[in-house]
Amino acid sequence: METSDNPQRKKMFLDIPNAAELAGFSIRHFRRVIEEERIPIVQIGRKFFILGRDFENWQETRRDKH
């Protein structure tokens, strides 16, 4: 869900497969990461999403650990 008025704006919602790919993990492993690190997820209908800001926050904390 991107806006056309600001091409630099990040996606507001990431589905689990896309978030896993961006993180460099398999979908199965990333689901485990979500559960263990308590990354907030949102269910819309039958699908689950991660808010873009939550994904970015998780990436920042991950960088800080390494």
PDB file of N, CA and C in Angstrom:
ATOM      1  N   MET A   1       0.832  -1.168   0.000  1.00  0.00           N
ATOM      2  CA  MET A   1       0.000   0.000   0.000  1.00  0.00           C
ATOM      3  C   MET A   1       0.885   1.242   0.000  1.00  0.00           C
ATOM      4  N   GLU A   2       1.265   1.717  -1.171  1.00  0.00           N
ATOM      5  CA  GLU A   2       2.113   2.883  -1.271  1.00  0.00           C
ATOM      6  C   GLU A   2       1.314   4.069  -1.771  1.00  0.00           C
ATOM      7  N   THR A   3       1.730   5.243  -1.370  1.00  0.00           N
ATOM      8  CA  THR A   3       1.061   6.430  -1.855  1.00  0.00           C
ATOM      9  C   THR A   3       1.811   6.973  -3.048  1.00  0.00           C
ATOM     10  N   SER A   4       1.085   7.538  -4.002  1.00  0.00           N
ATOM     11  CA  SER A   4       1.719   8.044  -5.207  1.00  0.00           C
ATOM     12  C   SER A   4       2.295   9.434  -5.003  1.00  0.00           C
ATOM     13  N   ASP A   5       1.870  10.163  -3.958  1.00  0.00           N
ATOM     14  CA  ASP A   5       2.367  11.510  -3.746  1.00  0.00           C
ATOM     15  C   ASP A   5       3.764  11.540  -3.140  1.00  0.00           C
ATOM     16  N   ASN A   6       4.209  10.474  -2.525  1.00  0.00           N
ATOM     17  CA  ASN A   6       5.541  10.422  -1.934  1.00  0.00           C
ATOM     18  C   ASN A   6       6.187   9.086  -2.268  1.00  0.00           C
ATOM     19  N   PRO A   7       6.989   9.041  -3.347  1.00  0.00           N
ATOM     20  CA  PRO A   7       7.569   7.753  -3.753  1.00  0.00           C
ATOM     21  C   PRO A   7       8.574   7.187  -2.758  1.00  0.00           C
ATOM     22  N   GLN A   8       9.110   8.008  -1.840  1.00  0.00           N
ATOM     23  CA  GLN A   8      10.082   7.538  -0.860  1.00  0.00           C
ATOM     24  C   GLN A   8       9.419   6.866   0.340  1.00  0.00           C
ATOM     25  N   ARG A   9       8.117   7.001   0.462  1.00  0.00           N
ATOM     26  CA  ARG A   9       7.413   6.460   1.617  1.00  0.00           C
ATOM     27  C   ARG A   9       7.446   4.937   1.612  1.00  0.00           C
ATOM     28  N   LYS A  10       7.679   4.358   2.777  1.00  0.00           N
ATOM     29  CA  LYS A  10       7.730   2.904   2.919  1.00  0.00           C
ATOM     30  C   LYS A  10       6.325   2.325   2.947  1.00  0.00           C
ATOM     31  N   LYS A  11       6.236   1.026   2.720  1.00  0.00           N
ATOM     32  CA  LYS A  11       4.942   0.360   2.805  1.00  0.00           C
ATOM     33  C   LYS A  11       4.449   0.378   4.242  1.00  0.00           C
ATOM     34  N   MET A  12       3.154   0.536   4.392  1.00  0.00           N
ATOM     35  CA  MET A  12       2.575   0.561   5.735  1.00  0.00           C
ATOM     36  C   MET A  12       2.438  -0.836   6.302  1.00  0.00           C
ATOM     37  N   PHE A  13       2.095  -1.812   5.462  1.00  0.00           N
ATOM     38  CA  PHE A  13       1.929  -3.195   5.898  1.00  0.00           C
ATOM     39  C   PHE A  13       2.825  -4.095   5.064  1.00  0.00           C
ATOM     40  N   LEU A  14       3.463  -5.046   5.716  1.00  0.00           N
ATOM     41  CA  LEU A  14       4.242  -6.071   5.022  1.00  0.00           C
ATOM     42  C   LEU A  14       3.624  -7.413   5.342  1.00  0.00           C
ATOM     43  N   ASP A  15       3.337  -8.198   4.315  1.00  0.00           N
ATOM     44  CA  ASP A  15       2.861  -9.541   4.616  1.00  0.00           C
ATOM     45  C   ASP A  15       4.057 -10.372   5.067  1.00  0.00           C
ATOM     46  N   ILE A  16       3.782 -11.475   5.712  1.00  0.00           N
ATOM     47  CA  ILE A  16       4.842 -12.279   6.325  1.00  0.00           C
ATOM     48  C   ILE A  16       5.872 -12.763   5.297  1.00  0.00           C
ATOM     49  N   PRO A  17       5.457 -13.283   4.131  1.00  0.00           N
ATOM     50  CA  PRO A  17       6.460 -13.720   3.155  1.00  0.00           C
ATOM     51  C   PRO A  17       7.389 -12.595   2.680  1.00  0.00           C
ATOM     52  N   ASN A  18       6.854 -11.416   2.437  1.00  0.00           N
ATOM     53  CA  ASN A  18       7.702 -10.303   2.004  1.00  0.00           C
ATOM     54  C   ASN A  18       8.620  -9.829   3.125  1.00  0.00           C
ATOM     55  N   ALA A  19       8.103  -9.770   4.331  1.00  0.00           N
ATOM     56  CA  ALA A  19       8.929  -9.369   5.470  1.00  0.00           C
ATOM     57  C   ALA A  19      10.057 -10.374   5.695  1.00  0.00           C
ATOM     58  N   ALA A  20       9.752 -11.653   5.556  1.00  0.00           N
ATOM     59  CA  ALA A  20      10.780 -12.688   5.720  1.00  0.00           C
ATOM     60  C   ALA A  20      11.870 -12.528   4.670  1.00  0.00           C
ATOM     61  N   GLU A  21      11.467 -12.255   3.437  1.00  0.00           N
ATOM     62  CA  GLU A  21      12.446 -12.070   2.360  1.00  0.00           C
ATOM     63  C   GLU A  21      13.327 -10.849   2.630  1.00  0.00           C
ATOM     64  N   LEU A  22      12.716  -9.747   3.068  1.00  0.00           N
ATOM     65  CA  LEU A  22      13.488  -8.550   3.388  1.00  0.00           C
ATOM     66  C   LEU A  22      14.462  -8.791   4.533  1.00  0.00           C
ATOM     67  N   ALA A  23      14.062  -9.628   5.480  1.00  0.00           N
ATOM     68  CA  ALA A  23      14.908  -9.932   6.635  1.00  0.00           C
ATOM     69  C   ALA A  23      15.977 -10.972   6.306  1.00  0.00           C
ATOM     70  N   GLY A  24      15.806 -11.686   5.192  1.00  0.00           N
ATOM     71  CA  GLY A  24      16.783 -12.699   4.812  1.00  0.00           C
ATOM     72  C   GLY A  24      16.535 -14.052   5.448  1.00  0.00           C
ATOM     73  N   PHE A  25      15.298 -14.323   5.840  1.00  0.00           N
ATOM     74  CA  PHE A  25      14.942 -15.585   6.466  1.00  0.00           C
ATOM     75  C   PHE A  25      13.909 -16.326   5.637  1.00  0.00           C
ATOM     76  N   SER A  26      13.812 -17.629   5.873  1.00  0.00           N
ATOM     77  CA  SER A  26      12.704 -18.382   5.289  1.00  0.00           C
ATOM     78  C   SER A  26      11.431 -17.966   6.021  1.00  0.00           C
ATOM     79  N   ILE A  27      10.302 -18.213   5.398  1.00  0.00           N
ATOM     80  CA  ILE A  27       9.023 -17.847   6.017  1.00  0.00           C
ATOM     81  C   ILE A  27       8.857 -18.580   7.346  1.00  0.00           C
ATOM     82  N   ARG A  28       9.181 -19.852   7.346  1.00  0.00           N
ATOM     83  CA  ARG A  28       9.034 -20.655   8.563  1.00  0.00           C
ATOM     84  C   ARG A  28       9.893 -20.120   9.705  1.00  0.00           C
ATOM     85  N   HIS A  29      11.156 -19.795   9.399  1.00  0.00           N
ATOM     86  CA  HIS A  29      12.048 -19.271  10.432  1.00  0.00           C
ATOM     87  C   HIS A  29      11.583 -17.893  10.899  1.00  0.00           C
ATOM     88  N   PHE A  30      11.118 -17.062   9.966  1.00  0.00           N
ATOM     89  CA  PHE A  30      10.686 -15.726  10.345  1.00  0.00           C
ATOM     90  C   PHE A  30       9.451 -15.765  11.227  1.00  0.00           C
ATOM     91  N   ARG A  31       8.567 -16.724  11.009  1.00  0.00           N
ATOM     92  CA  ARG A  31       7.408 -16.869  11.899  1.00  0.00           C
ATOM     93  C   ARG A  31       7.878 -17.176  13.324  1.00  0.00           C
ATOM     94  N   ARG A  32       8.926 -17.969  13.440  1.00  0.00           N
ATOM     95  CA  ARG A  32       9.489 -18.279  14.755  1.00  0.00           C
ATOM     96  C   ARG A  32      10.102 -17.024  15.376  1.00  0.00           C
ATOM     97  N   VAL A  33      10.794 -16.223  14.565  1.00  0.00           N
ATOM     98  CA  VAL A  33      11.376 -14.966  15.045  1.00  0.00           C
ATOM     99  C   VAL A  33      10.273 -14.040  15.554  1.00  0.00           C
ATOM    100  N   ILE A  34       9.175 -13.946  14.804  1.00  0.00           N
ATOM    101  CA  ILE A  34       8.046 -13.103  15.211  1.00  0.00           C
ATOM    102  C   ILE A  34       7.547 -13.533  16.584  1.00  0.00           C
ATOM    103  N   GLU A  35       7.404 -14.828  16.776  1.00  0.00           N
ATOM    104  CA  GLU A  35       6.889 -15.338  18.042  1.00  0.00           C
ATOM    105  C   GLU A  35       7.885 -15.118  19.183  1.00  0.00           C
ATOM    106  N   GLU A  36       9.154 -15.441  18.959  1.00  0.00           N
ATOM    107  CA  GLU A  36      10.156 -15.341  20.019  1.00  0.00           C
ATOM    108  C   GLU A  36      10.458 -13.898  20.396  1.00  0.00           C
ATOM    109  N   GLU A  37      10.513 -13.018  19.399  1.00  0.00           N
ATOM    110  CA  GLU A  37      10.868 -11.625  19.681  1.00  0.00           C
ATOM    111  C   GLU A  37       9.644 -10.737  19.848  1.00  0.00           C
ATOM    112  N   ARG A  38       8.473 -11.379  19.833  1.00  0.00           N
ATOM    113  CA  ARG A  38       7.207 -10.682  20.067  1.00  0.00           C
ATOM    114  C   ARG A  38       7.018  -9.473  19.156  1.00  0.00           C
ATOM    115  N   ILE A  39       7.287  -9.664  17.869  1.00  0.00           N
ATOM    116  CA  ILE A  39       7.032  -8.610  16.893  1.00  0.00           C
ATOM    117  C   ILE A  39       5.517  -8.531  16.707  1.00  0.00           C
ATOM    118  N   PRO A  40       4.940  -7.352  16.868  1.00  0.00           N
ATOM    119  CA  PRO A  40       3.477  -7.237  16.735  1.00  0.00           C
ATOM    120  C   PRO A  40       3.029  -7.540  15.303  1.00  0.00           C
ATOM    121  N   ILE A  41       1.942  -8.285  15.191  1.00  0.00           N
ATOM    122  CA  ILE A  41       1.360  -8.570  13.887  1.00  0.00           C
ATOM    123  C   ILE A  41      -0.105  -8.173  13.902  1.00  0.00           C
ATOM    124  N   VAL A  42      -0.628  -7.929  12.702  1.00  0.00           N
ATOM    125  CA  VAL A  42      -2.020  -7.523  12.535  1.00  0.00           C
ATOM    126  C   VAL A  42      -2.683  -8.526  11.613  1.00  0.00           C
ATOM    127  N   GLN A  43      -3.861  -8.975  11.987  1.00  0.00           N
ATOM    128  CA  GLN A  43      -4.604  -9.877  11.119  1.00  0.00           C
ATOM    129  C   GLN A  43      -5.679  -9.086  10.398  1.00  0.00           C
ATOM    130  N   ILE A  44      -5.673  -9.177   9.071  1.00  0.00           N
ATOM    131  CA  ILE A  44      -6.701  -8.565   8.243  1.00  0.00           C
ATOM    132  C   ILE A  44      -7.305  -9.695   7.430  1.00  0.00           C
ATOM    133  N   GLY A  45      -8.523 -10.010   7.740  1.00  0.00           N
ATOM    134  CA  GLY A  45      -9.148 -11.167   7.103  1.00  0.00           C
ATOM    135  C   GLY A  45      -8.434 -12.416   7.549  1.00  0.00           C
ATOM    136  N   ARG A  46      -7.955 -13.182   6.573  1.00  0.00           N
ATOM    137  CA  ARG A  46      -7.250 -14.422   6.898  1.00  0.00           C
ATOM    138  C   ARG A  46      -5.737 -14.278   6.812  1.00  0.00           C
ATOM    139  N   LYS A  47      -5.257 -13.075   6.514  1.00  0.00           N
ATOM    140  CA  LYS A  47      -3.817 -12.859   6.347  1.00  0.00           C
ATOM    141  C   LYS A  47      -3.248 -12.071   7.514  1.00  0.00           C
ATOM    142  N   PHE A  48      -1.943 -12.278   7.729  1.00  0.00           N
ATOM    143  CA  PHE A  48      -1.235 -11.595   8.805  1.00  0.00           C
ATOM    144  C   PHE A  48      -0.209 -10.641   8.212  1.00  0.00           C
ATOM    145  N   PHE A  49      -0.071  -9.489   8.851  1.00  0.00           N
ATOM    146  CA  PHE A  49       0.829  -8.452   8.377  1.00  0.00           C
ATOM    147  C   PHE A  49       1.631  -7.890   9.536  1.00  0.00           C
ATOM    148  N   ILE A  50       2.766  -7.300   9.184  1.00  0.00           N
ATOM    149  CA  ILE A  50       3.595  -6.568  10.134  1.00  0.00           C
ATOM    150  C   ILE A  50       3.553  -5.114   9.695  1.00  0.00           C
ATOM    151  N   LEU A  51       3.346  -4.218  10.630  1.00  0.00           N
ATOM    152  CA  LEU A  51       3.387  -2.800  10.290  1.00  0.00           C
ATOM    153  C   LEU A  51       4.809  -2.436   9.891  1.00  0.00           C
ATOM    154  N   GLY A  52       4.936  -1.604   8.888  1.00  0.00           N
ATOM    155  CA  GLY A  52       6.251  -1.199   8.400  1.00  0.00           C
ATOM    156  C   GLY A  52       7.131  -0.633   9.498  1.00  0.00           C
ATOM    157  N   ARG A  53       6.536   0.188  10.364  1.00  0.00           N
ATOM    158  CA  ARG A  53       7.342   0.795  11.433  1.00  0.00           C
ATOM    159  C   ARG A  53       7.812  -0.254  12.442  1.00  0.00           C
ATOM    160  N   ASP A  54       6.988  -1.285  12.700  1.00  0.00           N
ATOM    161  CA  ASP A  54       7.398  -2.349  13.614  1.00  0.00           C
ATOM    162  C   ASP A  54       8.528  -3.172  13.014  1.00  0.00           C
ATOM    163  N   PHE A  55       8.464  -3.408  11.697  1.00  0.00           N
ATOM    164  CA  PHE A  55       9.525  -4.139  11.020  1.00  0.00           C
ATOM    165  C   PHE A  55      10.824  -3.345  11.077  1.00  0.00           C
ATOM    166  N   GLU A  56      10.741  -2.041  10.813  1.00  0.00           N
ATOM    167  CA  GLU A  56      11.936  -1.194  10.871  1.00  0.00           C
ATOM    168  C   GLU A  56      12.516  -1.140  12.284  1.00  0.00           C
ATOM    169  N   ASN A  57      11.650  -1.044  13.282  1.00  0.00           N
ATOM    170  CA  ASN A  57      12.115  -1.041  14.677  1.00  0.00           C
ATOM    171  C   ASN A  57      12.822  -2.348  15.006  1.00  0.00           C
ATOM    172  N   TRP A  58      12.265  -3.459  14.547  1.00  0.00           N
ATOM    173  CA  TRP A  58      12.882  -4.762  14.793  1.00  0.00           C
ATOM    174  C   TRP A  58      14.250  -4.828  14.117  1.00  0.00           C
ATOM    175  N   GLN A  59      14.346  -4.316  12.890  1.00  0.00           N
ATOM    176  CA  GLN A  59      15.630  -4.330  12.193  1.00  0.00           C
ATOM    177  C   GLN A  59      16.664  -3.499  12.933  1.00  0.00           C
ATOM    178  N   GLU A  60      16.249  -2.360  13.461  1.00  0.00           N
ATOM    179  CA  GLU A  60      17.175  -1.505  14.211  1.00  0.00           C
ATOM    180  C   GLU A  60      17.697  -2.217  15.457  1.00  0.00           C
ATOM    181  N   THR A  61      16.822  -2.879  16.200  1.00  0.00           N
ATOM    182  CA  THR A  61      17.274  -3.586  17.401  1.00  0.00           C
ATOM    183  C   THR A  61      18.167  -4.755  17.020  1.00  0.00           C
ATOM    184  N   ARG A  62      17.897  -5.358  15.873  1.00  0.00           N
ATOM    185  CA  ARG A  62      18.720  -6.466  15.399  1.00  0.00           C
ATOM    186  C   ARG A  62      20.124  -5.990  15.046  1.00  0.00           C
ATOM    187  N   ARG A  63      20.215  -4.828  14.408  1.00  0.00           N
ATOM    188  CA  ARG A  63      21.527  -4.245  14.076  1.00  0.00           C
ATOM    189  C   ARG A  63      22.309  -3.898  15.329  1.00  0.00           C
ATOM    190  N   ASP A  64      21.605  -3.402  16.349  1.00  0.00           N
ATOM    191  CA  ASP A  64      22.257  -3.024  17.601  1.00  0.00           C
ATOM    192  C   ASP A  64      22.861  -4.232  18.312  1.00  0.00           C
ATOM    193  N   LYS A  65      22.251  -5.404  18.140  1.00  0.00           N
ATOM    194  CA  LYS A  65      22.745  -6.616  18.804  1.00  0.00           C
ATOM    195  C   LYS A  65      24.018  -7.149  18.143  1.00  0.00           C
ATOM    196  N   HIS A  66      24.207  -6.843  16.857  1.00  0.00           N
ATOM    197  CA  HIS A  66      25.371  -7.386  16.138  1.00  0.00           C
ATOM    198  C   HIS A  66      26.459  -6.408  16.045  1.00  0.00           C
TER     199      HIS A  66
END
